[in-house]
Structures are given as C-alpha cells and as structure tokens.
C-alpha cells in the first residue's frame, strides 16, 4: 500500500509539473511557474553581474549595440519575456541566460567573434535557453530528485569574484554554470537560428560561430575551456546540425562584418590593456607580485580609465602589505566605478589592517550591500567580536560558516569559540543507552575542529520503580576533534524504557 501511495505521489507530481514548451510545443517537466522564473531572473541579474566583473561601462556604445541586436532577436522569439542584455567586464569568453530572459555576454567573447550575425547566433542561442525554460527544467529535475529522496524516506520509514559570494548570491552563480544537456544545446542552436533568420540575419553566422568554437576548443585554450565551453560544449556534430538547419532556412540575410567591426572599434583598441591586466591577475595568483604590479602599470599606461587596473595595483600592494598605497589604489578604482562591490571590499580590508576600523566597517558594509561575500562578513564578525558585540559577530560568522572554504573554516572556529561554552549541546553530540549488561552508558562525540575538556552530559531515564530520574555524567580528560568518549553511569533503567542525553558543559582546550 505504501509503494502505491509513493508511486501515485510521484506520478501526480510529474503530471502536474508538465508544461508546454513555448518554443518547441513539447510537454516538458517544469515545477516552476513562468512568474517565478521572471522573479528569479530579476532577483539574481544584478548579483550575477557583480560576481563576474560588473557591467562593461567604459564603452557604452558597444552595450547599446549588443542590446539592439538582442532586442531584434527577442522580437522574433516565441516567448514574450522581459528580455535584458548586458555586456560584462570579463575577459573569459562566455555568455549566459538566467530564467526570465536576463542575458549576459562577456567582453572576452565579443573580442573573439567576427560579425553581427555571429553575435546574433550567440544571443539567439541564449534567448532560446530562456524562452524554452531550459534552466527551469534543470532546476526542476533537481527539485524532483530532492522530492524523491524525501518521499523514499517517508515510504521506507527510514547535500574569480563569484567564489567570494555567499548565501543567495552563491546559489545564483551556480545557475550560470549549469551544464545543459546535449538536446538542450542542439535545441538552442536550432531555434536560435530560426530567430536569426526571422530577424533578418544570415543563419550561416551560427555555422561560422560553431566552427570557430570547435577550433578554439581543439587548441585547449584554458580561458575558453573554463568559460563558454564548460556550459556550452562545442562539437563537430553541432556544426553539422547547424549546417542542416541553415539549409532549411531562407538563404541570405545580414552578416554585418562592417557594423560589428565599427561597434567593436574602441574595445579592440584597448584590448592590449586588458591583455596586460589578465596576465597581471594570473601573475598575482601565482604569487609573482612584482610582475603583477608591473603589468598593472602597463595596463594603466595604455588605458588609465579602467577601474579594474587600479584594483589590480591595489591587490598587489595589499599582498606586499603596503596597505596605505593599496587604499589609494582602491579609492581610485571606486572613483571610476563606485558600484562594484570588490573595490569597497578590498579597501575595507586594507583600512582594517591599518587600524582604521570605523572606515573599514563602512567600506565592508557597503560591499555587502552590493554583494554578500565571505571575507566581508568574516572581517566584520572579527571587528564586532573584538568590540564585544558578541551576538552581531555570531550573525556574521553564521553566514560565512555555511559557505565552506577557508573562510568557512575560520568562521566555524570562531562560532565554536563564542558559542560552545554557552551552547555545548550544539557542537558536541550525545547519546545514551543500555550497554548490554543492563546499565546505562553515555557517549559523546566532538563535532568541532578543536579539542574540548570538562565535558558533562545530563541524561534522563526511568528507574526500576518507574520513577523519572535525571543525572549528570562527567567525562574525564580531553576529547579531540571527531573523537567519541564513553562513560558507564552505574545505573540501570527500567526494562523496555529509553534514556535521553544532552551535553550541558564543555570548555575549549586553549
């Protein structure tokens, strides 16, 4: 009977989650409503831009051009979504779409394509991902798997800048890295080419684009492999499929080599500056600080108005512990692009090192207002703790503790230090039961990363006369991280009854 109920539950869920794909006309499994998709995209579009370098604002004419091409394709699409298009200040060749039609293309991808038709192929492909609800489908499959785990449990009675983000912003970042299945990629190519043709573009641009992608993937350029190809893998099969699609569409249409070249003129002229910057970022990641600083200076000589270049100089000086100079560099970056979280974060960190704590807090809070990150929360937690604001420090640490990584580990350690003496039961697990000889044994497990001592556990049981009893059991010595300690209590419970235990006292071994 339980199996029938389980299968009925799942079949009902699948049936109710089926929706007509507005692009293909097929019925797809989607648990998210169209309104929810639009809201999800709107909520995450700005944080996603922040986590990937922010909008490319030094060439607004290029952004206007990309938007004009995107809007032309959107009018040809099968879904009237509130489409938006942005160019991101990121050298990694990539493009992505959030649910609800929020689409981004990186500066690094624009510098690799050759015509307006190829740009239309990229944007048309991303428009189909949004219109055909591919991300919602992927997310719904994840929801279903979670539902299956829960249902099975019930039925049987018995989880670059973006890496800094925490909370909802971290989850949003995962959406843009979501790998679509082969069918979704081919579907986006096919219908994207139809949109291109309907909008007046030569669909052969999509063939040329995929041929370029295949050549670049074969060269194994790491930037490409970590960008577009990680979520949109190219293949010769996609090239051939595009050729077949193009053969069925009206020949001709706009290619737009001249218009694309004109739109890209400024960005291509300053590309050497960004090339130097990218080499500088790589050098800094490899601890070659002097080289990074020299490359930052080279980039600034070529194009002094780019805030990222000032920030690279600031990061190099931060690593060299030249905090006062770093503050100056980050301030110059903020003067040029005040809306980017990273500059405020780094200036706040540098000011904190200089002992300018109030000013540091203001910068760190400003960075959090733009994009919540682990280093900002953790540093604010440290400041609050040092100032005796224990509850505020704990709130900051708790946000970071869930993020994992080095900051997550540090935050967990801070939480243990602050909370374990008052809430030992939250960090040290306990259990009690019959040891097989008729007596109660209590066990505790140290779930922290620190050694503890002075552990006491309170346990309740029913004695032989049926009276409820409560006693405290002490554990001698120290308990290392992850270790279990046992203690025989010397008392016997009434046959057939259970006992319950909770740790009530513990101290950290300093």
Foldseek 3Di string as FASTA:
>chain_A
DLVVVLVVVLVVQQVVQWDQQLAPRDTAGFPDDLVRQQVLCVVQLLLLLLLAAHFPDPQVLLQVVLQVLLVLLCVLGRDVFPADETEHAHLQAAKAAGARHYIYGYPNVLVQAFFSLLSLLVSQLRNSCRSRVQLSRVVSVVVSVVVSVVSVCVSVVHHSRLLFFFDPSVVSNVSRLDAGDPVSLLSSNLVSLVSCVVSFAALCSNLVNLVSLVVVVVVVDVSHCVHHCSRRPGDVVSSVSSVVSSVPGDGDGDGGSPVSCVSCVVVVQLVVLVVLQVVLVVCVVVVVLVSSLVSLVVSCVSPVLALSSLQSNLVSVVVVVVLVSSLVSLVSSCVNPVLRLPSLQSNLVSCVSVVVNVSSLVSLVSSVVSGHGLSSLQVVLVVCVVVVVLVSSLVSLVRNLVSDDPSVLVSLVVCCQRPCQPAVQVFKPKFWDDPPPQFIKIKIFGQHQFKKAFKKKKKWAQAQVRDIDIDIDTDHDIAHHGGMDMDTPPGGGHPPIGMGMGIDGMDTDD
